[in-house]
C-alpha atoms as a PDB file:
ATOM      1  CA  UNK A   1     -71.097 -44.833   2.730  1.00  0.00           C
ATOM      2  CA  UNK A   2     -69.693 -46.583  -0.470  1.00  0.00           C
ATOM      3  CA  UNK A   3     -70.358 -50.089  -0.893  1.00  0.00           C
ATOM      4  CA  UNK A   4     -66.915 -51.035  -2.145  1.00  0.00           C
ATOM      5  CA  UNK A   5     -64.935 -49.681   1.010  1.00  0.00           C
ATOM      6  CA  UNK A   6     -66.206 -53.038   2.836  1.00  0.00           C
ATOM      7  CA  UNK A   7     -63.141 -55.955   3.216  1.00  0.00           C
ATOM      8  CA  UNK A   8     -63.544 -59.163   4.373  1.00  0.00           C
ATOM      9  CA  UNK A   9     -62.258 -60.286   7.604  1.00  0.00           C
ATOM     10  CA  UNK A  10     -60.040 -62.867   6.396  1.00  0.00           C
ATOM     11  CA  UNK A  11     -58.424 -59.758   4.023  1.00  0.00           C
ATOM     12  CA  UNK A  12     -58.335 -57.439   7.329  1.00  0.00           C
ATOM     13  CA  UNK A  13     -56.718 -60.253   9.257  1.00  0.00           C
ATOM     14  CA  UNK A  14     -53.526 -59.825   6.944  1.00  0.00           C
ATOM     15  CA  UNK A  15     -52.979 -56.619   9.041  1.00  0.00           C
ATOM     16  CA  UNK A  16     -51.994 -59.018  11.906  1.00  0.00           C
ATOM     17  CA  UNK A  17     -51.515 -58.358  15.561  1.00  0.00           C
ATOM     18  CA  UNK A  18     -51.710 -54.834  17.295  1.00  0.00           C
ATOM     19  CA  UNK A  19     -47.831 -52.506  16.919  1.00  0.00           C
ATOM     20  CA  UNK A  20     -46.397 -52.004  19.948  1.00  0.00           C
ATOM     21  CA  UNK A  21     -46.341 -48.426  21.275  1.00  0.00           C
ATOM     22  CA  UNK A  22     -44.620 -46.372  20.256  1.00  0.00           C
ATOM     23  CA  UNK A  23     -42.321 -43.665  22.749  1.00  0.00           C
ATOM     24  CA  UNK A  24     -41.493 -40.187  22.674  1.00  0.00           C
ATOM     25  CA  UNK A  25     -44.366 -39.350  19.985  1.00  0.00           C
ATOM     26  CA  UNK A  26     -45.807 -36.253  19.799  1.00  0.00           C
ATOM     27  CA  UNK A  27     -49.378 -36.114  20.994  1.00  0.00           C
ATOM     28  CA  UNK A  28     -51.567 -33.318  19.190  1.00  0.00           C
ATOM     29  CA  UNK A  29     -55.207 -31.968  19.368  1.00  0.00           C
ATOM     30  CA  UNK A  30     -57.654 -31.390  16.006  1.00  0.00           C
ATOM     31  CA  UNK A  31     -56.699 -27.941  14.657  1.00  0.00           C
ATOM     32  CA  UNK A  32     -60.063 -26.067  13.873  1.00  0.00           C
ATOM     33  CA  UNK A  33     -62.471 -27.618  10.756  1.00  0.00           C
ATOM     34  CA  UNK A  34     -60.908 -31.217  11.204  1.00  0.00           C
ATOM     35  CA  UNK A  35     -62.899 -34.123  11.404  1.00  0.00           C
ATOM     36  CA  UNK A  36     -62.422 -37.567  12.662  1.00  0.00           C
ATOM     37  CA  UNK A  37     -64.566 -40.349  10.837  1.00  0.00           C
ATOM     38  CA  UNK A  38     -64.728 -43.792  11.669  1.00  0.00           C
ATOM     39  CA  UNK A  39     -65.482 -45.835   8.063  1.00  0.00           C
ATOM     40  CA  UNK A  40     -66.728 -49.191   8.717  1.00  0.00           C
ATOM     41  CA  UNK A  41     -65.029 -52.498   6.759  1.00  0.00           C
ATOM     42  CA  UNK A  42     -67.525 -55.195   8.444  1.00  0.00           C
ATOM     43  CA  UNK A  43     -67.327 -57.487  10.902  1.00  0.00           C
ATOM     44  CA  UNK A  44     -67.235 -54.728  13.785  1.00  0.00           C
ATOM     45  CA  UNK A  45     -64.059 -52.992  12.304  1.00  0.00           C
ATOM     46  CA  UNK A  46     -63.736 -49.995  11.166  1.00  0.00           C
ATOM     47  CA  UNK A  47     -60.904 -47.631   9.498  1.00  0.00           C
ATOM     48  CA  UNK A  48     -60.936 -44.412  11.167  1.00  0.00           C
ATOM     49  CA  UNK A  49     -59.374 -40.922   9.218  1.00  0.00           C
ATOM     50  CA  UNK A  50     -58.685 -37.362   9.878  1.00  0.00           C
ATOM     51  CA  UNK A  51     -60.534 -35.063   7.260  1.00  0.00           C
ATOM     52  CA  UNK A  52     -59.889 -31.357   6.859  1.00  0.00           C
ATOM     53  CA  UNK A  53     -60.989 -29.321   3.733  1.00  0.00           C
ATOM     54  CA  UNK A  54     -61.260 -25.531   3.014  1.00  0.00           C
ATOM     55  CA  UNK A  55     -64.588 -24.625   1.594  1.00  0.00           C
ATOM     56  CA  UNK A  56     -63.855 -25.348  -1.884  1.00  0.00           C
ATOM     57  CA  UNK A  57     -61.000 -27.684  -2.486  1.00  0.00           C
ATOM     58  CA  UNK A  58     -58.424 -27.763  -5.579  1.00  0.00           C
ATOM     59  CA  UNK A  59     -58.167 -30.959  -4.948  1.00  0.00           C
ATOM     60  CA  UNK A  60     -57.640 -34.109  -2.397  1.00  0.00           C
ATOM     61  CA  UNK A  61     -54.589 -35.590  -1.170  1.00  0.00           C
ATOM     62  CA  UNK A  62     -54.782 -39.206   0.394  1.00  0.00           C
ATOM     63  CA  UNK A  63     -51.769 -39.014   2.589  1.00  0.00           C
ATOM     64  CA  UNK A  64     -50.236 -42.273   3.636  1.00  0.00           C
ATOM     65  CA  UNK A  65     -48.198 -42.012   6.641  1.00  0.00           C
ATOM     66  CA  UNK A  66     -44.692 -44.042   7.251  1.00  0.00           C
ATOM     67  CA  UNK A  67     -43.745 -46.033  10.159  1.00  0.00           C
ATOM     68  CA  UNK A  68     -46.591 -48.644  11.306  1.00  0.00           C
ATOM     69  CA  UNK A  69     -49.100 -46.404  10.173  1.00  0.00           C
ATOM     70  CA  UNK A  70     -50.881 -45.755  13.798  1.00  0.00           C
ATOM     71  CA  UNK A  71     -51.085 -42.307  14.132  1.00  0.00           C
ATOM     72  CA  UNK A  72     -53.523 -42.531  16.900  1.00  0.00           C
ATOM     73  CA  UNK A  73     -56.621 -41.067  16.282  1.00  0.00           C
ATOM     74  CA  UNK A  74     -58.523 -40.511  19.189  1.00  0.00           C
ATOM     75  CA  UNK A  75     -62.565 -39.954  18.612  1.00  0.00           C
ATOM     76  CA  UNK A  76     -62.238 -36.536  20.783  1.00  0.00           C
ATOM     77  CA  UNK A  77     -59.544 -35.873  18.124  1.00  0.00           C
ATOM     78  CA  UNK A  78     -56.312 -36.836  20.010  1.00  0.00           C
ATOM     79  CA  UNK A  79     -53.646 -37.516  18.018  1.00  0.00           C
ATOM     80  CA  UNK A  80     -50.997 -39.505  19.651  1.00  0.00           C
ATOM     81  CA  UNK A  81     -48.219 -39.891  16.838  1.00  0.00           C
ATOM     82  CA  UNK A  82     -48.273 -36.362  14.894  1.00  0.00           C
ATOM     83  CA  UNK A  83     -44.631 -35.930  14.311  1.00  0.00           C
ATOM     84  CA  UNK A  84     -45.067 -37.896  10.666  1.00  0.00           C
ATOM     85  CA  UNK A  85     -44.774 -35.642   7.721  1.00  0.00           C
ATOM     86  CA  UNK A  86     -48.050 -35.972   6.523  1.00  0.00           C
ATOM     87  CA  UNK A  87     -49.458 -35.113  10.068  1.00  0.00           C
ATOM     88  CA  UNK A  88     -47.165 -31.814  10.399  1.00  0.00           C
ATOM     89  CA  UNK A  89     -48.137 -30.295   7.144  1.00  0.00           C
ATOM     90  CA  UNK A  90     -51.760 -30.835   6.838  1.00  0.00           C
ATOM     91  CA  UNK A  91     -52.604 -27.393   7.847  1.00  0.00           C
ATOM     92  CA  UNK A  92     -50.250 -26.027   5.219  1.00  0.00           C
ATOM     93  CA  UNK A  93     -51.517 -28.161   2.260  1.00  0.00           C
ATOM     94  CA  UNK A  94     -55.357 -26.759   3.604  1.00  0.00           C
ATOM     95  CA  UNK A  95     -54.356 -23.364   3.787  1.00  0.00           C
ATOM     96  CA  UNK A  96     -52.855 -24.072  -0.012  1.00  0.00           C
ATOM     97  CA  UNK A  97     -56.622 -25.132  -0.867  1.00  0.00           C
ATOM     98  CA  UNK A  98     -56.193 -29.016  -0.785  1.00  0.00           C
ATOM     99  CA  UNK A  99     -58.498 -30.984   1.453  1.00  0.00           C
ATOM    100  CA  UNK A 100     -56.534 -34.201   3.398  1.00  0.00           C
ATOM    101  CA  UNK A 101     -57.574 -37.139   4.117  1.00  0.00           C
ATOM    102  CA  UNK A 102     -55.452 -39.118   6.643  1.00  0.00           C
ATOM    103  CA  UNK A 103     -56.032 -42.851   7.316  1.00  0.00           C
ATOM    104  CA  UNK A 104     -55.202 -44.314  10.577  1.00  0.00           C
ATOM    105  CA  UNK A 105     -54.207 -48.070  11.201  1.00  0.00           C
ATOM    106  CA  UNK A 106     -56.817 -50.615  11.694  1.00  0.00           C
ATOM    107  CA  UNK A 107     -57.437 -51.580  15.355  1.00  0.00           C
ATOM    108  CA  UNK A 108     -53.981 -50.576  16.002  1.00  0.00           C
ATOM    109  CA  UNK A 109     -52.296 -53.369  13.677  1.00  0.00           C
ATOM    110  CA  UNK A 110     -48.876 -53.330  12.486  1.00  0.00           C
ATOM    111  CA  UNK A 111     -49.215 -52.337   8.564  1.00  0.00           C
ATOM    112  CA  UNK A 112     -45.593 -52.940   8.309  1.00  0.00           C
ATOM    113  CA  UNK A 113     -45.142 -56.439   5.663  1.00  0.00           C
ATOM    114  CA  UNK A 114     -48.798 -55.536   4.825  1.00  0.00           C
ATOM    115  CA  UNK A 115     -48.999 -52.641   2.660  1.00  0.00           C
ATOM    116  CA  UNK A 116     -48.370 -54.196  -0.846  1.00  0.00           C
ATOM    117  CA  UNK A 117     -50.986 -56.720  -0.016  1.00  0.00           C
ATOM    118  CA  UNK A 118     -53.984 -56.945  -2.565  1.00  0.00           C
ATOM    119  CA  UNK A 119     -56.301 -55.966   0.683  1.00  0.00           C
ATOM    120  CA  UNK A 120     -54.626 -52.920   1.296  1.00  0.00           C
ATOM    121  CA  UNK A 121     -54.601 -52.066  -2.151  1.00  0.00           C
ATOM    122  CA  UNK A 122     -58.487 -52.532  -2.326  1.00  0.00           C
ATOM    123  CA  UNK A 123     -58.325 -50.388   1.227  1.00  0.00           C
ATOM    124  CA  UNK A 124     -56.756 -47.251  -0.179  1.00  0.00           C
ATOM    125  CA  UNK A 125     -58.845 -47.542  -3.560  1.00  0.00           C
ATOM    126  CA  UNK A 126     -62.021 -47.190  -0.979  1.00  0.00           C
ATOM    127  CA  UNK A 127     -59.877 -44.344   0.700  1.00  0.00           C
ATOM    128  CA  UNK A 128     -59.784 -42.964  -2.499  1.00  0.00           C
ATOM    129  CA  UNK A 129     -63.415 -43.451  -3.188  1.00  0.00           C
ATOM    130  CA  UNK A 130     -64.558 -42.043   0.099  1.00  0.00           C
ATOM    131  CA  UNK A 131     -62.624 -38.486  -1.051  1.00  0.00           C
ATOM    132  CA  UNK A 132     -63.899 -38.284  -4.260  1.00  0.00           C
ATOM    133  CA  UNK A 133     -67.493 -38.439  -2.534  1.00  0.00           C
ATOM    134  CA  UNK A 134     -66.891 -35.705  -0.179  1.00  0.00           C
ATOM    135  CA  UNK A 135     -65.051 -33.280  -3.048  1.00  0.00           C
ATOM    136  CA  UNK A 136     -65.752 -34.138  -6.589  1.00  0.00           C
ATOM    137  CA  UNK A 137     -62.050 -32.715  -7.367  1.00  0.00           C
ATOM    138  CA  UNK A 138     -59.040 -34.277  -8.435  1.00  0.00           C
ATOM    139  CA  UNK A 139     -57.784 -37.237  -5.723  1.00  0.00           C
ATOM    140  CA  UNK A 140     -53.936 -37.480  -5.415  1.00  0.00           C
ATOM    141  CA  UNK A 141     -51.748 -40.434  -3.361  1.00  0.00           C
ATOM    142  CA  UNK A 142     -49.074 -39.358  -1.286  1.00  0.00           C
ATOM    143  CA  UNK A 143     -47.194 -41.417   0.392  1.00  0.00           C
ATOM    144  CA  UNK A 144     -44.041 -41.252   3.013  1.00  0.00           C
ATOM    145  CA  UNK A 145     -41.402 -43.308   4.114  1.00  0.00           C
ATOM    146  CA  UNK A 146     -43.322 -47.039   4.533  1.00  0.00           C
ATOM    147  CA  UNK A 147     -46.251 -45.629   3.098  1.00  0.00           C
ATOM    148  CA  UNK A 148     -45.159 -45.029   0.059  1.00  0.00           C
ATOM    149  CA  UNK A 149     -45.673 -48.962  -0.520  1.00  0.00           C
ATOM    150  CA  UNK A 150     -49.369 -48.312  -0.087  1.00  0.00           C
ATOM    151  CA  UNK A 151     -49.599 -45.448  -2.029  1.00  0.00           C
ATOM    152  CA  UNK A 152     -48.062 -47.358  -4.839  1.00  0.00           C
ATOM    153  CA  UNK A 153     -49.730 -50.619  -4.316  1.00  0.00           C
ATOM    154  CA  UNK A 154     -53.385 -48.081  -4.044  1.00  0.00           C
ATOM    155  CA  UNK A 155     -51.697 -46.398  -7.468  1.00  0.00           C
ATOM    156  CA  UNK A 156     -51.393 -49.159  -9.376  1.00  0.00           C
ATOM    157  CA  UNK A 157     -54.493 -51.048  -8.569  1.00  0.00           C
ATOM    158  CA  UNK A 158     -57.079 -48.071  -8.509  1.00  0.00           C
ATOM    159  CA  UNK A 159     -60.031 -48.389 -10.582  1.00  0.00           C
ATOM    160  CA  UNK A 160     -59.376 -45.799 -13.960  1.00  0.00           C
ATOM    161  CA  UNK A 161     -59.858 -42.281 -13.564  1.00  0.00           C
ATOM    162  CA  UNK A 162     -60.220 -42.316  -9.683  1.00  0.00           C
ATOM    163  CA  UNK A 163     -56.344 -41.341  -8.917  1.00  0.00           C
ATOM    164  CA  UNK A 164     -55.097 -38.407 -10.623  1.00  0.00           C
ATOM    165  CA  UNK A 165     -51.370 -38.984  -9.537  1.00  0.00           C
ATOM    166  CA  UNK A 166     -49.058 -40.534  -6.982  1.00  0.00           C
ATOM    167  CA  UNK A 167     -46.788 -38.657  -4.949  1.00  0.00           C
ATOM    168  CA  UNK A 168     -43.893 -40.381  -3.145  1.00  0.00           C
ATOM    169  CA  UNK A 169     -41.474 -38.961  -0.466  1.00  0.00           C
ATOM    170  CA  UNK A 170     -38.215 -40.847   0.510  1.00  0.00           C
ATOM    171  CA  UNK A 171     -39.247 -44.077  -0.682  1.00  0.00           C
ATOM    172  CA  UNK A 172     -38.892 -47.646   0.896  1.00  0.00           C
ATOM    173  CA  UNK A 173     -36.457 -49.210  -1.462  1.00  0.00           C
ATOM    174  CA  UNK A 174     -34.646 -51.542  -0.068  1.00  0.00           C
ATOM    175  CA  UNK A 175     -35.467 -53.969   2.480  1.00  0.00           C
ATOM    176  CA  UNK A 176     -35.364 -53.641   5.944  1.00  0.00           C
ATOM    177  CA  UNK A 177     -34.848 -55.620   9.034  1.00  0.00           C
ATOM    178  CA  UNK A 178     -38.561 -54.995  10.617  1.00  0.00           C
ATOM    179  CA  UNK A 179     -40.257 -55.535   6.872  1.00  0.00           C
ATOM    180  CA  UNK A 180     -39.059 -56.527   3.742  1.00  0.00           C
ATOM    181  CA  UNK A 181     -41.543 -55.111   1.336  1.00  0.00           C
ATOM    182  CA  UNK A 182     -40.474 -52.289  -0.894  1.00  0.00           C
ATOM    183  CA  UNK A 183     -42.121 -49.654  -3.711  1.00  0.00           C
ATOM    184  CA  UNK A 184     -40.667 -52.629  -5.855  1.00  0.00           C
ATOM    185  CA  UNK A 185     -43.010 -55.040  -4.555  1.00  0.00           C
ATOM    186  CA  UNK A 186     -46.326 -52.572  -5.085  1.00  0.00           C
ATOM    187  CA  UNK A 187     -46.460 -52.953  -8.860  1.00  0.00           C
ATOM    188  CA  UNK A 188     -44.776 -50.116 -10.224  1.00  0.00           C
ATOM    189  CA  UNK A 189     -45.740 -51.170 -13.794  1.00  0.00           C
ATOM    190  CA  UNK A 190     -49.190 -51.068 -13.243  1.00  0.00           C
ATOM    191  CA  UNK A 191     -49.073 -47.411 -12.334  1.00  0.00           C
ATOM    192  CA  UNK A 192     -50.512 -45.145 -15.269  1.00  0.00           C
ATOM    193  CA  UNK A 193     -50.982 -41.682 -13.820  1.00  0.00           C
ATOM    194  CA  UNK A 194     -48.718 -38.953 -13.338  1.00  0.00           C
ATOM    195  CA  UNK A 195     -45.450 -39.560 -10.281  1.00  0.00           C
ATOM    196  CA  UNK A 196     -43.764 -37.313  -8.603  1.00  0.00           C
ATOM    197  CA  UNK A 197     -40.619 -39.242  -6.426  1.00  0.00           C
ATOM    198  CA  UNK A 198     -39.167 -36.575  -4.303  1.00  0.00           C
ATOM    199  CA  UNK A 199     -35.524 -37.535  -2.587  1.00  0.00           C
ATOM    200  CA  UNK A 200     -33.495 -35.917   0.157  1.00  0.00           C
ATOM    201  CA  UNK A 201     -29.658 -36.265  -0.484  1.00  0.00           C
ATOM    202  CA  UNK A 202     -29.348 -35.880   2.797  1.00  0.00           C
ATOM    203  CA  UNK A 203     -31.330 -38.864   3.773  1.00  0.00           C
ATOM    204  CA  UNK A 204     -29.261 -41.355   5.606  1.00  0.00           C
ATOM    205  CA  UNK A 205     -32.479 -44.247   6.441  1.00  0.00           C
ATOM    206  CA  UNK A 206     -30.668 -47.321   5.290  1.00  0.00           C
ATOM    207  CA  UNK A 207     -34.409 -48.716   3.895  1.00  0.00           C
ATOM    208  CA  UNK A 208     -34.957 -45.028   1.445  1.00  0.00           C
ATOM    209  CA  UNK A 209     -31.364 -44.444   0.199  1.00  0.00           C
ATOM    210  CA  UNK A 210     -31.817 -41.120  -2.166  1.00  0.00           C
ATOM    211  CA  UNK A 211     -29.907 -42.969  -4.765  1.00  0.00           C
ATOM    212  CA  UNK A 212     -32.481 -45.104  -5.541  1.00  0.00           C
ATOM    213  CA  UNK A 213     -34.625 -42.689  -6.404  1.00  0.00           C
ATOM    214  CA  UNK A 214     -34.254 -43.224 -10.634  1.00  0.00           C
ATOM    215  CA  UNK A 215     -34.378 -47.006 -10.150  1.00  0.00           C
ATOM    216  CA  UNK A 216     -37.812 -46.369  -8.673  1.00  0.00           C
ATOM    217  CA  UNK A 217     -38.810 -43.686 -11.524  1.00  0.00           C
ATOM    218  CA  UNK A 218     -37.292 -45.594 -14.158  1.00  0.00           C
ATOM    219  CA  UNK A 219     -39.650 -48.909 -12.655  1.00  0.00           C
ATOM    220  CA  UNK A 220     -42.671 -46.904 -13.397  1.00  0.00           C
ATOM    221  CA  UNK A 221     -42.666 -47.985 -16.951  1.00  0.00           C
ATOM    222  CA  UNK A 222     -46.693 -47.111 -17.903  1.00  0.00           C
ATOM    223  CA  UNK A 223     -46.368 -43.839 -15.806  1.00  0.00           C
ATOM    224  CA  UNK A 224     -47.265 -41.439 -18.415  1.00  0.00           C
ATOM    225  CA  UNK A 225     -44.822 -38.862 -17.102  1.00  0.00           C
ATOM    226  CA  UNK A 226     -42.935 -39.414 -14.048  1.00  0.00           C
ATOM    227  CA  UNK A 227     -40.755 -36.603 -12.268  1.00  0.00           C
ATOM    228  CA  UNK A 228     -37.954 -37.307  -9.719  1.00  0.00           C
ATOM    229  CA  UNK A 229     -38.011 -34.224  -7.455  1.00  0.00           C
ATOM    230  CA  UNK A 230     -34.269 -33.864  -5.464  1.00  0.00           C
ATOM    231  CA  UNK A 231     -34.054 -31.804  -2.079  1.00  0.00           C
ATOM    232  CA  UNK A 232     -31.032 -31.668   0.102  1.00  0.00           C
ATOM    233  CA  UNK A 233     -30.724 -30.470   3.761  1.00  0.00           C
ATOM    234  CA  UNK A 234     -32.813 -30.675   6.905  1.00  0.00           C
ATOM    235  CA  UNK A 235     -32.432 -30.903  10.843  1.00  0.00           C
ATOM    236  CA  UNK A 236     -31.747 -34.731  12.922  1.00  0.00           C
ATOM    237  CA  UNK A 237     -34.201 -34.573  16.431  1.00  0.00           C
ATOM    238  CA  UNK A 238     -35.021 -37.892  16.273  1.00  0.00           C
ATOM    239  CA  UNK A 239     -32.366 -40.767  17.684  1.00  0.00           C
ATOM    240  CA  UNK A 240     -32.828 -42.923  14.484  1.00  0.00           C
ATOM    241  CA  UNK A 241     -32.287 -41.721  11.530  1.00  0.00           C
ATOM    242  CA  UNK A 242     -34.920 -43.053   9.409  1.00  0.00           C
ATOM    243  CA  UNK A 243     -37.308 -41.431  12.536  1.00  0.00           C
ATOM    244  CA  UNK A 244     -39.876 -38.403  11.375  1.00  0.00           C
ATOM    245  CA  UNK A 245     -37.715 -35.257  12.775  1.00  0.00           C
ATOM    246  CA  UNK A 246     -34.884 -35.717  10.413  1.00  0.00           C
ATOM    247  CA  UNK A 247     -34.132 -35.074   6.839  1.00  0.00           C
ATOM    248  CA  UNK A 248     -35.815 -38.526   6.275  1.00  0.00           C
ATOM    249  CA  UNK A 249     -39.286 -37.067   7.535  1.00  0.00           C
ATOM    250  CA  UNK A 250     -38.068 -33.633   6.052  1.00  0.00           C
ATOM    251  CA  UNK A 251     -37.448 -31.830   9.249  1.00  0.00           C
ATOM    252  CA  UNK A 252     -36.824 -28.080   9.132  1.00  0.00           C
ATOM    253  CA  UNK A 253     -37.627 -28.717   5.357  1.00  0.00           C
ATOM    254  CA  UNK A 254     -41.223 -28.845   5.583  1.00  0.00           C
ATOM    255  CA  UNK A 255     -41.719 -25.594   3.297  1.00  0.00           C
ATOM    256  CA  UNK A 256     -39.612 -26.546   0.515  1.00  0.00           C
ATOM    257  CA  UNK A 257     -40.555 -29.835   0.378  1.00  0.00           C
ATOM    258  CA  UNK A 258     -44.654 -28.822   0.373  1.00  0.00           C
ATOM    259  CA  UNK A 259     -43.938 -26.212  -2.408  1.00  0.00           C
ATOM    260  CA  UNK A 260     -42.210 -28.260  -4.526  1.00  0.00           C
ATOM    261  CA  UNK A 261     -44.826 -31.530  -4.474  1.00  0.00           C
ATOM    262  CA  UNK A 262     -47.475 -28.339  -4.498  1.00  0.00           C
ATOM    263  CA  UNK A 263     -45.694 -26.860  -7.913  1.00  0.00           C
ATOM    264  CA  UNK A 264     -45.913 -30.447  -9.301  1.00  0.00           C
ATOM    265  CA  UNK A 265     -49.824 -31.095  -8.459  1.00  0.00           C
ATOM    266  CA  UNK A 266     -50.263 -27.656  -9.840  1.00  0.00           C
ATOM    267  CA  UNK A 267     -49.234 -29.054 -13.562  1.00  0.00           C
ATOM    268  CA  UNK A 268     -50.986 -32.326 -12.899  1.00  0.00           C
ATOM    269  CA  UNK A 269     -54.074 -30.638 -12.105  1.00  0.00           C
ATOM    270  CA  UNK A 270     -54.203 -30.256  -8.689  1.00  0.00           C
END
């Protein structure tokens, strides 16, 4: 395992107490070809990831989910929380020729308020390095909702040449009651790779207003290319506007959003 993936116990302690179990989430088993990998972090802790790839991937997507970050990947392949956008669409990405790497949280810790920290930025950098070790192809960070904070942080502090691009979907740009950190806390000025900002005009989530997309793009002052992709529509199944099965999570819009992102990836080496 790459040595750069190790984090100190002090840094990991920033992740806080275990998250409260979510209710009403989808349980799902691994699909064919996926594997669960435990990456050691030191001091007995580990980072569990879900990894899948076609025979000859064109690029790897490190996909960072939102919420608390706890997707509940069991060693036997059972997924306790599988309704997040990046989880629901993972097979679509593999079918399009992309490898996908999706991290669970560390020791069921709640990542709210932590994703913009230097320690978590180093962890995302380590995930990208591990992805590059698996396949010598471009690596893109793809974050959704709260995961956009982690993606922004990882891209802004990644070692030169490791990250090919950054995709932010329904970015958290306004402080909320459960977490006050936003993508603006994750050093957008430090990002030096192409960026796609996806915003759904019908997203009613109070911490991810679509009208903030131009401000996010404007904050990426050192990115060589920034594009805002506007979409509209979606269905509301979750009981919260910020839930995964809602316009915020592109529920009912998955294929349109995936195709839009894939088109952008193809123009940037993916």
